[in-house]
Amino acid sequence: MLDVTVVLLDDGHASTAIMPVEVFAAAGTLWHDLHERPAQPECQVRTVSITGGPVRSPYGLGIVPQGSIDEVRRTDVVLVASSGLELDLSLIRNSALLPWLRRHYEQGAYLAGACVGAAYLAEAGLLDGRFATSHWALCPKLAARYPRVKWRPDLFVTEDSRLLCSGGVYAAIDVSLYLVEKLCGHDVALECAKALLLPMPRLSQSAYAVAPVGKPHGDDCIRSVEAYMQANLREVISVQRLADRVGMTVRTFGRRFKAATGRMPADYLRALRIAAAKTILEQEARPIQAVSQAVGYDDVAFFRELFKRDTGMTPVEYRAHFAPMQVRERVVLQGA
């Protein structure tokens, strides 16, 4: 039986601890219970805090763990729940966790950090040179703080050398199910997901990110080009055409555009079009063909492929996730 330890920390979202506990505890049990068959538990789950005392969430919910980290001699899986966003203070307050994590990793345990929990794996030096993720909005700050880590804000779950991380709060479900599937088998994970009415682990969080296409800058010339691109998404826009608008060679324009925005012109235009497509899908019931044409892609198959590559979802899946109910209902009525 898999021994799982969930570490509770103050000031984090309680769900990043509770959901993993319930996923691991349900593996091999809930599906059988629902079918009135003998349970076959796959995991033994314990909750701990650093001192063994209760932890609190920012919204007043308290959780009492079963023990302290010092009581855990050996475990197969450690999942570090989220803590508060004030990392400097949280890391000092929870500094005793760092050598404890290193010791269990050296003993062969899988270590997972949920959302901000990934910062503790990074602070312990375990993620240096390895892939990791966290909430897409936190990854830039974490990348500045831990530059040796290969941050992947586009992913819900990363795994590298028994070190796992998950994206935002509810991605704690994804990393937990991912570990159930990896260590207990696909059938067990699938039954667990079905019993809890969950999808199988999601891999990409790109569709959830709300980020600017380019970085802020003060280049008025390039800003005028950005405005032109925004206003003419449906048109055929070549780099030569953009360079001619500002009286530059293609090579000079490309260098200056990237220096200002952080992207090459063609990549910027693609990101701009995908962002516009997201907005249309969230707000309107237009057929996918019409959405594709509205953002400058006459080839709808190419648009679908590009959209899925950028967001991890097809346009239809994106609309189903993010459009309001009335839009989804109109799509069904129209057969779009």
C-alpha atoms as a PDB file:
ATOM      1  CA  MET A   1       0.000   0.000   0.000  1.00  0.00           C
ATOM      2  CA  LEU A   2       1.256   3.456  -0.948  1.00  0.00           C
ATOM      3  CA  ASP A   3       2.162   5.648   2.031  1.00  0.00           C
ATOM      4  CA  VAL A   4       1.164   9.269   1.336  1.00  0.00           C
ATOM      5  CA  THR A   5       1.954  12.299   3.515  1.00  0.00           C
ATOM      6  CA  VAL A   6       0.200  15.624   2.929  1.00  0.00           C
ATOM      7  CA  VAL A   7       1.933  18.609   4.539  1.00  0.00           C
ATOM      8  CA  LEU A   8      -0.382  21.384   5.743  1.00  0.00           C
ATOM      9  CA  LEU A   9       0.859  24.980   5.850  1.00  0.00           C
ATOM     10  CA  ASP A  10      -0.634  28.184   7.252  1.00  0.00           C
ATOM     11  CA  ASP A  11      -2.353  30.798   5.078  1.00  0.00           C
ATOM     12  CA  GLY A  12      -2.819  28.627   1.997  1.00  0.00           C
ATOM     13  CA  HIS A  13      -5.936  27.417   0.238  1.00  0.00           C
ATOM     14  CA  ALA A  14      -7.189  24.513   2.323  1.00  0.00           C
ATOM     15  CA  SER A  15      -8.386  22.735  -0.807  1.00  0.00           C
ATOM     16  CA  THR A  16      -4.768  22.135  -1.888  1.00  0.00           C
ATOM     17  CA  ALA A  17      -4.515  19.826   1.130  1.00  0.00           C
ATOM     18  CA  ILE A  18      -8.066  18.469   1.389  1.00  0.00           C
ATOM     19  CA  MET A  19      -8.446  17.525  -2.275  1.00  0.00           C
ATOM     20  CA  PRO A  20      -5.252  15.447  -2.431  1.00  0.00           C
ATOM     21  CA  VAL A  21      -6.255  13.669   0.797  1.00  0.00           C
ATOM     22  CA  GLU A  22      -9.622  12.775  -0.698  1.00  0.00           C
ATOM     23  CA  VAL A  23      -8.182  11.692  -4.058  1.00  0.00           C
ATOM     24  CA  PHE A  24      -5.572   9.399  -2.498  1.00  0.00           C
ATOM     25  CA  ALA A  25      -8.049   8.055   0.072  1.00  0.00           C
ATOM     26  CA  ALA A  26     -10.606   7.338  -2.675  1.00  0.00           C
ATOM     27  CA  ALA A  27      -8.146   5.330  -4.790  1.00  0.00           C
ATOM     28  CA  GLY A  28      -9.342   1.739  -4.673  1.00  0.00           C
ATOM     29  CA  THR A  29     -12.141   2.478  -2.186  1.00  0.00           C
ATOM     30  CA  LEU A  30     -14.903   4.834  -3.314  1.00  0.00           C
ATOM     31  CA  TRP A  31     -15.529   3.133  -6.668  1.00  0.00           C
ATOM     32  CA  HIS A  32     -15.894  -0.204  -4.892  1.00  0.00           C
ATOM     33  CA  ASP A  33     -18.090   1.302  -2.179  1.00  0.00           C
ATOM     34  CA  LEU A  34     -20.421   2.775  -4.809  1.00  0.00           C
ATOM     35  CA  HIS A  35     -20.730  -0.654  -6.416  1.00  0.00           C
ATOM     36  CA  GLU A  36     -21.183  -2.400  -3.056  1.00  0.00           C
ATOM     37  CA  ARG A  37     -17.983  -4.351  -3.418  1.00  0.00           C
ATOM     38  CA  PRO A  38     -15.209  -4.826  -0.853  1.00  0.00           C
ATOM     39  CA  ALA A  39     -12.852  -1.839  -0.839  1.00  0.00           C
ATOM     40  CA  GLN A  40      -9.289  -2.348  -2.020  1.00  0.00           C
ATOM     41  CA  PRO A  41      -7.475   0.738  -0.672  1.00  0.00           C
ATOM     42  CA  GLU A  42      -4.360   1.656  -2.605  1.00  0.00           C
ATOM     43  CA  CYS A  43      -3.105   4.419  -0.319  1.00  0.00           C
ATOM     44  CA  GLN A  44      -2.616   5.116   3.354  1.00  0.00           C
ATOM     45  CA  VAL A  45      -2.872   8.893   3.834  1.00  0.00           C
ATOM     46  CA  ARG A  46      -1.717  11.019   6.746  1.00  0.00           C
ATOM     47  CA  THR A  47      -1.764  14.778   7.270  1.00  0.00           C
ATOM     48  CA  VAL A  48       1.017  16.599   9.111  1.00  0.00           C
ATOM     49  CA  SER A  49       2.033  20.136   9.928  1.00  0.00           C
ATOM     50  CA  ILE A  50       5.499  21.300  10.857  1.00  0.00           C
ATOM     51  CA  THR A  51       4.800  21.296  14.603  1.00  0.00           C
ATOM     52  CA  GLY A  52       1.792  18.974  14.649  1.00  0.00           C
ATOM     53  CA  GLY A  53      -0.479  21.881  15.568  1.00  0.00           C
ATOM     54  CA  PRO A  54      -3.491  23.102  13.569  1.00  0.00           C
ATOM     55  CA  VAL A  55      -3.065  25.340  10.541  1.00  0.00           C
ATOM     56  CA  ARG A  56      -5.326  28.159   9.421  1.00  0.00           C
ATOM     57  CA  SER A  57      -6.474  29.399   6.063  1.00  0.00           C
ATOM     58  CA  PRO A  58      -6.707  33.111   5.216  1.00  0.00           C
ATOM     59  CA  TYR A  59     -10.512  32.843   5.325  1.00  0.00           C
ATOM     60  CA  GLY A  60     -10.748  31.329   8.801  1.00  0.00           C
ATOM     61  CA  LEU A  61     -10.935  27.605   8.126  1.00  0.00           C
ATOM     62  CA  GLY A  62      -8.749  25.614  10.523  1.00  0.00           C
ATOM     63  CA  ILE A  63      -7.398  22.117   9.881  1.00  0.00           C
ATOM     64  CA  VAL A  64      -6.039  19.812  12.559  1.00  0.00           C
ATOM     65  CA  PRO A  65      -3.348  17.424  11.247  1.00  0.00           C
ATOM     66  CA  GLN A  66      -2.690  13.912  12.512  1.00  0.00           C
ATOM     67  CA  GLY A  67       0.868  14.681  13.551  1.00  0.00           C
ATOM     68  CA  SER A  68       4.074  16.598  12.920  1.00  0.00           C
ATOM     69  CA  ILE A  69       6.630  16.171  10.144  1.00  0.00           C
ATOM     70  CA  ASP A  70       9.119  14.789  12.675  1.00  0.00           C
ATOM     71  CA  GLU A  71       6.862  11.800  13.311  1.00  0.00           C
ATOM     72  CA  VAL A  72       7.189  10.647   9.684  1.00  0.00           C
ATOM     73  CA  ARG A  73      10.117   8.251   9.431  1.00  0.00           C
ATOM     74  CA  ARG A  74       9.546   7.094   5.841  1.00  0.00           C
ATOM     75  CA  THR A  75       6.880   7.704   3.211  1.00  0.00           C
ATOM     76  CA  ASP A  76       6.386   7.016  -0.489  1.00  0.00           C
ATOM     77  CA  VAL A  77       4.795  10.324  -1.468  1.00  0.00           C
ATOM     78  CA  VAL A  78       4.978  13.801   0.066  1.00  0.00           C
ATOM     79  CA  LEU A  79       2.576  16.474  -1.150  1.00  0.00           C
ATOM     80  CA  VAL A  80       3.217  20.023   0.064  1.00  0.00           C
ATOM     81  CA  ALA A  81       0.017  22.057   0.102  1.00  0.00           C
ATOM     82  CA  SER A  82      -0.088  25.750  -0.721  1.00  0.00           C
ATOM     83  CA  SER A  83       0.951  28.420   1.757  1.00  0.00           C
ATOM     84  CA  GLY A  84       0.463  32.195   1.696  1.00  0.00           C
ATOM     85  CA  LEU A  85       1.630  34.379  -1.178  1.00  0.00           C
ATOM     86  CA  GLU A  86       4.017  36.326   1.075  1.00  0.00           C
ATOM     87  CA  LEU A  87       6.872  33.971   0.274  1.00  0.00           C
ATOM     88  CA  ASP A  88       9.618  35.693   2.282  1.00  0.00           C
ATOM     89  CA  LEU A  89       7.620  35.383   5.475  1.00  0.00           C
ATOM     90  CA  SER A  90       6.247  31.905   4.698  1.00  0.00           C
ATOM     91  CA  LEU A  91       9.653  30.448   3.857  1.00  0.00           C
ATOM     92  CA  ILE A  92      11.135  31.735   7.095  1.00  0.00           C
ATOM     93  CA  ARG A  93       8.185  30.476   9.138  1.00  0.00           C
ATOM     94  CA  ASN A  94       8.342  27.057   7.471  1.00  0.00           C
ATOM     95  CA  SER A  95      12.129  26.732   7.167  1.00  0.00           C
ATOM     96  CA  ALA A  96      12.159  23.433   9.123  1.00  0.00           C
ATOM     97  CA  LEU A  97      10.356  21.846   6.182  1.00  0.00           C
ATOM     98  CA  LEU A  98      13.321  22.236   3.815  1.00  0.00           C
ATOM     99  CA  PRO A  99      15.805  19.713   5.295  1.00  0.00           C
ATOM    100  CA  TRP A 100      12.866  17.353   5.943  1.00  0.00           C
ATOM    101  CA  LEU A 101      11.968  17.443   2.235  1.00  0.00           C
ATOM    102  CA  ARG A 102      15.584  16.811   1.220  1.00  0.00           C
ATOM    103  CA  ARG A 103      15.795  13.827   3.579  1.00  0.00           C
ATOM    104  CA  HIS A 104      12.666  12.156   2.250  1.00  0.00           C
ATOM    105  CA  TYR A 105      13.732  12.769  -1.332  1.00  0.00           C
ATOM    106  CA  GLU A 106      17.079  11.104  -0.584  1.00  0.00           C
ATOM    107  CA  GLN A 107      15.131   8.161   0.865  1.00  0.00           C
ATOM    108  CA  GLY A 108      13.353   7.707  -2.472  1.00  0.00           C
ATOM    109  CA  ALA A 109      10.034   9.470  -1.941  1.00  0.00           C
ATOM    110  CA  TYR A 110       8.116  11.252  -4.676  1.00  0.00           C
ATOM    111  CA  LEU A 111       7.752  14.930  -3.739  1.00  0.00           C
ATOM    112  CA  ALA A 112       4.946  17.127  -5.082  1.00  0.00           C
ATOM    113  CA  GLY A 113       4.296  20.827  -4.574  1.00  0.00           C
ATOM    114  CA  ALA A 114       0.742  22.111  -5.108  1.00  0.00           C
ATOM    115  CA  CYS A 115       0.565  25.697  -6.393  1.00  0.00           C
ATOM    116  CA  VAL A 116       2.768  27.772  -4.019  1.00  0.00           C
ATOM    117  CA  GLY A 117       3.936  24.476  -2.497  1.00  0.00           C
ATOM    118  CA  ALA A 118       6.334  24.200  -5.443  1.00  0.00           C
ATOM    119  CA  ALA A 119       8.329  27.087  -3.935  1.00  0.00           C
ATOM    120  CA  TYR A 120       9.366  24.865  -1.009  1.00  0.00           C
ATOM    121  CA  LEU A 121      10.829  22.270  -3.365  1.00  0.00           C
ATOM    122  CA  ALA A 122      12.687  25.075  -5.139  1.00  0.00           C
ATOM    123  CA  GLU A 123      13.882  26.663  -1.873  1.00  0.00           C
ATOM    124  CA  ALA A 124      15.210  23.274  -0.797  1.00  0.00           C
ATOM    125  CA  GLY A 125      17.371  23.261  -3.943  1.00  0.00           C
ATOM    126  CA  LEU A 126      15.659  20.168  -5.311  1.00  0.00           C
ATOM    127  CA  LEU A 127      14.332  21.768  -8.503  1.00  0.00           C
ATOM    128  CA  ASP A 128      17.589  23.282  -9.772  1.00  0.00           C
ATOM    129  CA  GLY A 129      18.005  22.310 -13.418  1.00  0.00           C
ATOM    130  CA  ARG A 130      14.632  20.551 -13.438  1.00  0.00           C
ATOM    131  CA  PHE A 131      11.198  21.267 -14.884  1.00  0.00           C
ATOM    132  CA  ALA A 132       8.565  22.718 -12.562  1.00  0.00           C
ATOM    133  CA  THR A 133       5.310  24.641 -12.614  1.00  0.00           C
ATOM    134  CA  SER A 134       3.010  26.670 -10.400  1.00  0.00           C
ATOM    135  CA  HIS A 135       0.059  28.976 -10.981  1.00  0.00           C
ATOM    136  CA  TRP A 136       0.640  30.774 -14.292  1.00  0.00           C
ATOM    137  CA  ALA A 137       0.501  34.188 -12.555  1.00  0.00           C
ATOM    138  CA  LEU A 138       3.145  33.203  -9.974  1.00  0.00           C
ATOM    139  CA  CYS A 139       5.662  31.609 -12.324  1.00  0.00           C
ATOM    140  CA  PRO A 140       7.351  34.894 -13.393  1.00  0.00           C
ATOM    141  CA  LYS A 141       8.039  35.771  -9.740  1.00  0.00           C
ATOM    142  CA  LEU A 142       9.250  32.266  -8.994  1.00  0.00           C
ATOM    143  CA  ALA A 143      11.450  32.310 -12.093  1.00  0.00           C
ATOM    144  CA  ALA A 144      13.094  35.522 -10.887  1.00  0.00           C
ATOM    145  CA  ARG A 145      13.631  34.025  -7.447  1.00  0.00           C
ATOM    146  CA  TYR A 146      14.764  30.577  -8.652  1.00  0.00           C
ATOM    147  CA  PRO A 147      16.395  31.168 -12.058  1.00  0.00           C
ATOM    148  CA  ARG A 148      17.995  27.709 -12.197  1.00  0.00           C
ATOM    149  CA  VAL A 149      14.580  26.032 -12.290  1.00  0.00           C
ATOM    150  CA  LYS A 150      13.009  25.341 -15.710  1.00  0.00           C
ATOM    151  CA  TRP A 151       9.580  26.846 -15.048  1.00  0.00           C
ATOM    152  CA  ARG A 152       6.695  25.763 -17.294  1.00  0.00           C
ATOM    153  CA  PRO A 153       3.691  28.012 -16.570  1.00  0.00           C
ATOM    154  CA  ASP A 154       1.836  26.409 -19.494  1.00  0.00           C
ATOM    155  CA  LEU A 155       1.557  23.049 -17.712  1.00  0.00           C
ATOM    156  CA  PHE A 156      -0.790  21.846 -14.981  1.00  0.00           C
ATOM    157  CA  VAL A 157       1.581  19.076 -13.901  1.00  0.00           C
ATOM    158  CA  THR A 158       5.334  18.582 -14.258  1.00  0.00           C
ATOM    159  CA  GLU A 159       7.398  15.557 -13.277  1.00  0.00           C
ATOM    160  CA  ASP A 160      11.168  15.453 -13.255  1.00  0.00           C
ATOM    161  CA  SER A 161      13.190  12.897 -11.293  1.00  0.00           C
ATOM    162  CA  ARG A 162      10.468  12.095  -8.702  1.00  0.00           C
ATOM    163  CA  LEU A 163       9.765  15.808  -8.246  1.00  0.00           C
ATOM    164  CA  LEU A 164       6.294  16.956  -9.228  1.00  0.00           C
ATOM    165  CA  CYS A 165       4.592  20.333  -9.276  1.00  0.00           C
ATOM    166  CA  SER A 166       1.093  21.476 -10.112  1.00  0.00           C
ATOM    167  CA  GLY A 167      -0.409  24.744 -11.316  1.00  0.00           C
ATOM    168  CA  GLY A 168      -3.085  26.757  -9.522  1.00  0.00           C
ATOM    169  CA  VAL A 169      -5.210  25.692  -6.573  1.00  0.00           C
ATOM    170  CA  TYR A 170      -7.419  23.056  -8.192  1.00  0.00           C
ATOM    171  CA  ALA A 171      -4.493  21.556 -10.068  1.00  0.00           C
ATOM    172  CA  ALA A 172      -3.800  19.829  -6.738  1.00  0.00           C
ATOM    173  CA  ILE A 173      -6.415  17.361  -7.990  1.00  0.00           C
ATOM    174  CA  ASP A 174      -4.488  16.851 -11.218  1.00  0.00           C
ATOM    175  CA  VAL A 175      -1.146  16.112  -9.585  1.00  0.00           C
ATOM    176  CA  SER A 176      -2.823  13.753  -7.093  1.00  0.00           C
ATOM    177  CA  LEU A 177      -4.629  11.796  -9.808  1.00  0.00           C
ATOM    178  CA  TYR A 178      -1.438  11.823 -11.869  1.00  0.00           C
ATOM    179  CA  LEU A 179       0.413  10.152  -8.994  1.00  0.00           C
ATOM    180  CA  VAL A 180      -2.407   7.648  -8.461  1.00  0.00           C
ATOM    181  CA  GLU A 181      -2.212   6.714 -12.137  1.00  0.00           C
ATOM    182  CA  LYS A 182       1.579   6.496 -12.100  1.00  0.00           C
ATOM    183  CA  LEU A 183       1.944   4.520  -8.878  1.00  0.00           C
ATOM    184  CA  CYS A 184      -1.328   2.582  -8.661  1.00  0.00           C
ATOM    185  CA  GLY A 185      -2.190   2.090 -12.339  1.00  0.00           C
ATOM    186  CA  HIS A 186      -4.478   3.603 -14.949  1.00  0.00           C
ATOM    187  CA  ASP A 187      -7.534   1.536 -14.031  1.00  0.00           C
ATOM    188  CA  VAL A 188      -7.383   2.591 -10.390  1.00  0.00           C
ATOM    189  CA  ALA A 189      -6.991   6.264 -11.370  1.00  0.00           C
ATOM    190  CA  LEU A 190      -9.846   6.072 -13.861  1.00  0.00           C
ATOM    191  CA  GLU A 191     -12.191   4.488 -11.313  1.00  0.00           C
ATOM    192  CA  CYS A 192     -11.132   7.103  -8.749  1.00  0.00           C
ATOM    193  CA  ALA A 193     -11.822   9.949 -11.201  1.00  0.00           C
ATOM    194  CA  LYS A 194     -15.216   8.530 -12.163  1.00  0.00           C
ATOM    195  CA  ALA A 195     -16.226   7.988  -8.545  1.00  0.00           C
ATOM    196  CA  LEU A 196     -15.282  11.588  -7.643  1.00  0.00           C
ATOM    197  CA  LEU A 197     -16.807  12.979 -10.884  1.00  0.00           C
ATOM    198  CA  LEU A 198     -13.444  14.336 -11.991  1.00  0.00           C
ATOM    199  CA  PRO A 199     -11.695  14.466 -15.362  1.00  0.00           C
ATOM    200  CA  MET A 200      -8.420  12.628 -15.690  1.00  0.00           C
ATOM    201  CA  PRO A 201      -5.373  14.827 -15.022  1.00  0.00           C
ATOM    202  CA  ARG A 202      -5.175  17.956 -17.163  1.00  0.00           C
ATOM    203  CA  LEU A 203      -1.751  18.731 -18.556  1.00  0.00           C
ATOM    204  CA  SER A 204      -1.940  22.330 -19.823  1.00  0.00           C
ATOM    205  CA  GLN A 205      -2.967  25.543 -18.042  1.00  0.00           C
ATOM    206  CA  SER A 206      -2.317  27.794 -21.050  1.00  0.00           C
ATOM    207  CA  ALA A 207      -6.034  28.173 -21.712  1.00  0.00           C
ATOM    208  CA  TYR A 208      -6.517  29.633 -18.222  1.00  0.00           C
ATOM    209  CA  ALA A 209      -3.757  32.227 -18.435  1.00  0.00           C
ATOM    210  CA  VAL A 210      -4.641  35.883 -18.832  1.00  0.00           C
ATOM    211  CA  ALA A 211      -1.347  37.415 -19.829  1.00  0.00           C
ATOM    212  CA  PRO A 212      -0.357  40.323 -22.115  1.00  0.00           C
ATOM    213  CA  VAL A 213       0.773  39.373 -25.605  1.00  0.00           C
ATOM    214  CA  GLY A 214       3.892  41.518 -25.263  1.00  0.00           C
ATOM    215  CA  LYS A 215       5.780  43.150 -22.423  1.00  0.00           C
ATOM    216  CA  PRO A 216       5.265  46.846 -21.561  1.00  0.00           C
ATOM    217  CA  HIS A 217       7.643  49.205 -23.368  1.00  0.00           C
ATOM    218  CA  GLY A 218       8.107  52.827 -24.377  1.00  0.00           C
ATOM    219  CA  ASP A 219       8.843  52.489 -28.091  1.00  0.00           C
ATOM    220  CA  ASP A 220       6.116  54.650 -29.717  1.00  0.00           C
ATOM    221  CA  CYS A 221       7.023  53.452 -33.195  1.00  0.00           C
ATOM    222  CA  ILE A 222       6.522  49.797 -32.274  1.00  0.00           C
ATOM    223  CA  ARG A 223       3.388  50.658 -30.306  1.00  0.00           C
ATOM    224  CA  SER A 224       1.893  52.092 -33.494  1.00  0.00           C
ATOM    225  CA  VAL A 225       2.630  48.815 -35.274  1.00  0.00           C
ATOM    226  CA  GLU A 226       1.001  46.851 -32.442  1.00  0.00           C
ATOM    227  CA  ALA A 227      -2.128  49.009 -32.735  1.00  0.00           C
ATOM    228  CA  TYR A 228      -2.183  48.446 -36.499  1.00  0.00           C
ATOM    229  CA  MET A 229      -1.921  44.681 -36.037  1.00  0.00           C
ATOM    230  CA  GLN A 230      -4.712  44.737 -33.435  1.00  0.00           C
ATOM    231  CA  ALA A 231      -7.013  46.655 -35.786  1.00  0.00           C
ATOM    232  CA  ASN A 232      -6.316  44.499 -38.839  1.00  0.00           C
ATOM    233  CA  LEU A 233      -6.282  40.925 -37.579  1.00  0.00           C
ATOM    234  CA  ARG A 234      -8.394  39.708 -40.516  1.00  0.00           C
ATOM    235  CA  GLU A 235      -5.904  41.010 -43.067  1.00  0.00           C
ATOM    236  CA  VAL A 236      -2.860  39.263 -44.516  1.00  0.00           C
ATOM    237  CA  ILE A 237      -0.099  40.945 -42.520  1.00  0.00           C
ATOM    238  CA  SER A 238       3.463  40.194 -43.577  1.00  0.00           C
ATOM    239  CA  VAL A 239       6.563  41.296 -41.692  1.00  0.00           C
ATOM    240  CA  GLN A 240       7.602  43.170 -44.849  1.00  0.00           C
ATOM    241  CA  ARG A 241       4.333  45.095 -44.773  1.00  0.00           C
ATOM    242  CA  LEU A 242       4.868  46.056 -41.138  1.00  0.00           C
ATOM    243  CA  ALA A 243       8.479  47.054 -41.716  1.00  0.00           C
ATOM    244  CA  ASP A 244       7.457  49.231 -44.679  1.00  0.00           C
ATOM    245  CA  ARG A 245       4.913  51.053 -42.498  1.00  0.00           C
ATOM    246  CA  VAL A 246       7.683  52.340 -40.236  1.00  0.00           C
ATOM    247  CA  GLY A 247      10.353  52.730 -42.907  1.00  0.00           C
ATOM    248  CA  MET A 248      12.716  50.006 -41.707  1.00  0.00           C
ATOM    249  CA  THR A 249      14.340  46.989 -43.258  1.00  0.00           C
ATOM    250  CA  VAL A 250      12.795  43.667 -42.235  1.00  0.00           C
ATOM    251  CA  ARG A 251      15.898  42.743 -40.262  1.00  0.00           C
ATOM    252  CA  THR A 252      16.057  46.037 -38.344  1.00  0.00           C
ATOM    253  CA  PHE A 253      12.323  46.003 -37.705  1.00  0.00           C
ATOM    254  CA  GLY A 254      12.444  42.422 -36.378  1.00  0.00           C
ATOM    255  CA  ARG A 255      15.243  43.257 -33.941  1.00  0.00           C
ATOM    256  CA  ARG A 256      13.552  46.433 -32.714  1.00  0.00           C
ATOM    257  CA  PHE A 257      10.135  44.766 -32.396  1.00  0.00           C
ATOM    258  CA  LYS A 258      11.546  41.912 -30.335  1.00  0.00           C
ATOM    259  CA  ALA A 259      13.550  44.288 -28.134  1.00  0.00           C
ATOM    260  CA  ALA A 260      10.338  46.206 -27.369  1.00  0.00           C
ATOM    261  CA  THR A 261       7.777  43.404 -27.035  1.00  0.00           C
ATOM    262  CA  GLY A 262       9.831  40.311 -26.236  1.00  0.00           C
ATOM    263  CA  ARG A 263       8.477  38.518 -29.331  1.00  0.00           C
ATOM    264  CA  MET A 264       9.231  38.372 -33.039  1.00  0.00           C
ATOM    265  CA  PRO A 265       6.504  40.029 -35.168  1.00  0.00           C
ATOM    266  CA  ALA A 266       5.018  36.781 -36.557  1.00  0.00           C
ATOM    267  CA  ASP A 267       4.867  35.195 -33.100  1.00  0.00           C
ATOM    268  CA  TYR A 268       3.284  38.358 -31.681  1.00  0.00           C
ATOM    269  CA  LEU A 269       0.622  38.357 -34.413  1.00  0.00           C
ATOM    270  CA  ARG A 270      -0.177  34.697 -33.774  1.00  0.00           C
ATOM    271  CA  ALA A 271      -0.541  35.327 -30.035  1.00  0.00           C
ATOM    272  CA  LEU A 272      -2.712  38.378 -30.744  1.00  0.00           C
ATOM    273  CA  ARG A 273      -5.001  36.334 -32.983  1.00  0.00           C
ATOM    274  CA  ILE A 274      -5.321  33.503 -30.476  1.00  0.00           C
ATOM    275  CA  ALA A 275      -6.130  36.015 -27.709  1.00  0.00           C
ATOM    276  CA  ALA A 276      -8.824  37.558 -29.941  1.00  0.00           C
ATOM    277  CA  ALA A 277     -10.222  34.109 -30.711  1.00  0.00           C
ATOM    278  CA  LYS A 278     -10.435  33.347 -26.984  1.00  0.00           C
ATOM    279  CA  THR A 279     -12.475  36.517 -26.449  1.00  0.00           C
ATOM    280  CA  ILE A 280     -14.892  35.653 -29.261  1.00  0.00           C
ATOM    281  CA  LEU A 281     -15.316  32.088 -27.998  1.00  0.00           C
ATOM    282  CA  GLU A 282     -15.990  33.369 -24.478  1.00  0.00           C
ATOM    283  CA  GLN A 283     -18.588  35.929 -25.584  1.00  0.00           C
ATOM    284  CA  GLU A 284     -20.234  34.825 -28.822  1.00  0.00           C
ATOM    285  CA  ALA A 285     -21.872  31.758 -30.362  1.00  0.00           C
ATOM    286  CA  ARG A 286     -20.283  32.170 -33.803  1.00  0.00           C
ATOM    287  CA  PRO A 287     -19.384  28.913 -35.610  1.00  0.00           C
ATOM    288  CA  ILE A 288     -15.709  27.976 -35.340  1.00  0.00           C
ATOM    289  CA  GLN A 289     -15.248  28.662 -39.067  1.00  0.00           C
ATOM    290  CA  ALA A 290     -16.436  32.245 -38.524  1.00  0.00           C
ATOM    291  CA  VAL A 291     -14.179  32.677 -35.470  1.00  0.00           C
ATOM    292  CA  SER A 292     -11.227  31.429 -37.499  1.00  0.00           C
ATOM    293  CA  GLN A 293     -11.909  33.906 -40.319  1.00  0.00           C
ATOM    294  CA  ALA A 294     -12.496  36.771 -37.874  1.00  0.00           C
ATOM    295  CA  VAL A 295      -8.946  36.459 -36.565  1.00  0.00           C
ATOM    296  CA  GLY A 296      -7.283  36.037 -39.940  1.00  0.00           C
ATOM    297  CA  TYR A 297      -7.236  32.282 -40.587  1.00  0.00           C
ATOM    298  CA  ASP A 298      -9.219  31.101 -43.616  1.00  0.00           C
ATOM    299  CA  ASP A 299      -7.977  27.538 -43.055  1.00  0.00           C
ATOM    300  CA  VAL A 300     -10.079  26.417 -40.083  1.00  0.00           C
ATOM    301  CA  ALA A 301      -8.123  23.171 -39.656  1.00  0.00           C
ATOM    302  CA  PHE A 302      -4.897  25.171 -39.316  1.00  0.00           C
ATOM    303  CA  PHE A 303      -6.607  27.514 -36.840  1.00  0.00           C
ATOM    304  CA  ARG A 304      -7.800  24.568 -34.712  1.00  0.00           C
ATOM    305  CA  GLU A 305      -4.310  23.084 -34.664  1.00  0.00           C
ATOM    306  CA  LEU A 306      -2.727  26.431 -33.746  1.00  0.00           C
ATOM    307  CA  PHE A 307      -5.325  27.144 -31.059  1.00  0.00           C
ATOM    308  CA  LYS A 308      -4.867  23.737 -29.449  1.00  0.00           C
ATOM    309  CA  ARG A 309      -1.082  24.063 -29.535  1.00  0.00           C
ATOM    310  CA  ASP A 310      -1.291  27.393 -27.700  1.00  0.00           C
ATOM    311  CA  THR A 311      -4.056  26.604 -25.197  1.00  0.00           C
ATOM    312  CA  GLY A 312      -4.087  22.818 -24.822  1.00  0.00           C
ATOM    313  CA  MET A 313      -7.767  22.802 -25.885  1.00  0.00           C
ATOM    314  CA  THR A 314      -9.656  22.814 -29.169  1.00  0.00           C
ATOM    315  CA  PRO A 315     -11.798  25.918 -29.792  1.00  0.00           C
ATOM    316  CA  VAL A 316     -14.922  23.866 -29.026  1.00  0.00           C
ATOM    317  CA  GLU A 317     -13.455  22.650 -25.731  1.00  0.00           C
ATOM    318  CA  TYR A 318     -12.377  26.183 -24.820  1.00  0.00           C
ATOM    319  CA  ARG A 319     -15.874  27.551 -25.384  1.00  0.00           C
ATOM    320  CA  ALA A 320     -17.374  24.715 -23.330  1.00  0.00           C
ATOM    321  CA  HIS A 321     -15.067  25.615 -20.431  1.00  0.00           C
ATOM    322  CA  PHE A 322     -15.244  29.418 -20.476  1.00  0.00           C
ATOM    323  CA  ALA A 323     -18.321  30.720 -22.301  1.00  0.00           C
ATOM    324  CA  PRO A 324     -21.340  31.719 -20.205  1.00  0.00           C
ATOM    325  CA  MET A 325     -24.282  29.342 -20.134  1.00  0.00           C
ATOM    326  CA  GLN A 326     -26.404  31.402 -22.563  1.00  0.00           C
ATOM    327  CA  VAL A 327     -23.639  31.295 -25.188  1.00  0.00           C
ATOM    328  CA  ARG A 328     -23.211  27.538 -24.788  1.00  0.00           C
ATOM    329  CA  GLU A 329     -26.985  27.095 -25.109  1.00  0.00           C
ATOM    330  CA  ARG A 330     -27.073  29.132 -28.342  1.00  0.00           C
ATOM    331  CA  VAL A 331     -24.249  27.013 -29.752  1.00  0.00           C
ATOM    332  CA  VAL A 332     -26.243  23.849 -29.029  1.00  0.00           C
ATOM    333  CA  LEU A 333     -29.410  25.306 -30.614  1.00  0.00           C
ATOM    334  CA  GLN A 334     -27.492  26.430 -33.693  1.00  0.00           C
ATOM    335  CA  GLY A 335     -25.519  23.208 -33.951  1.00  0.00           C
ATOM    336  CA  ALA A 336     -22.357  25.314 -34.193  1.00  0.00           C
END
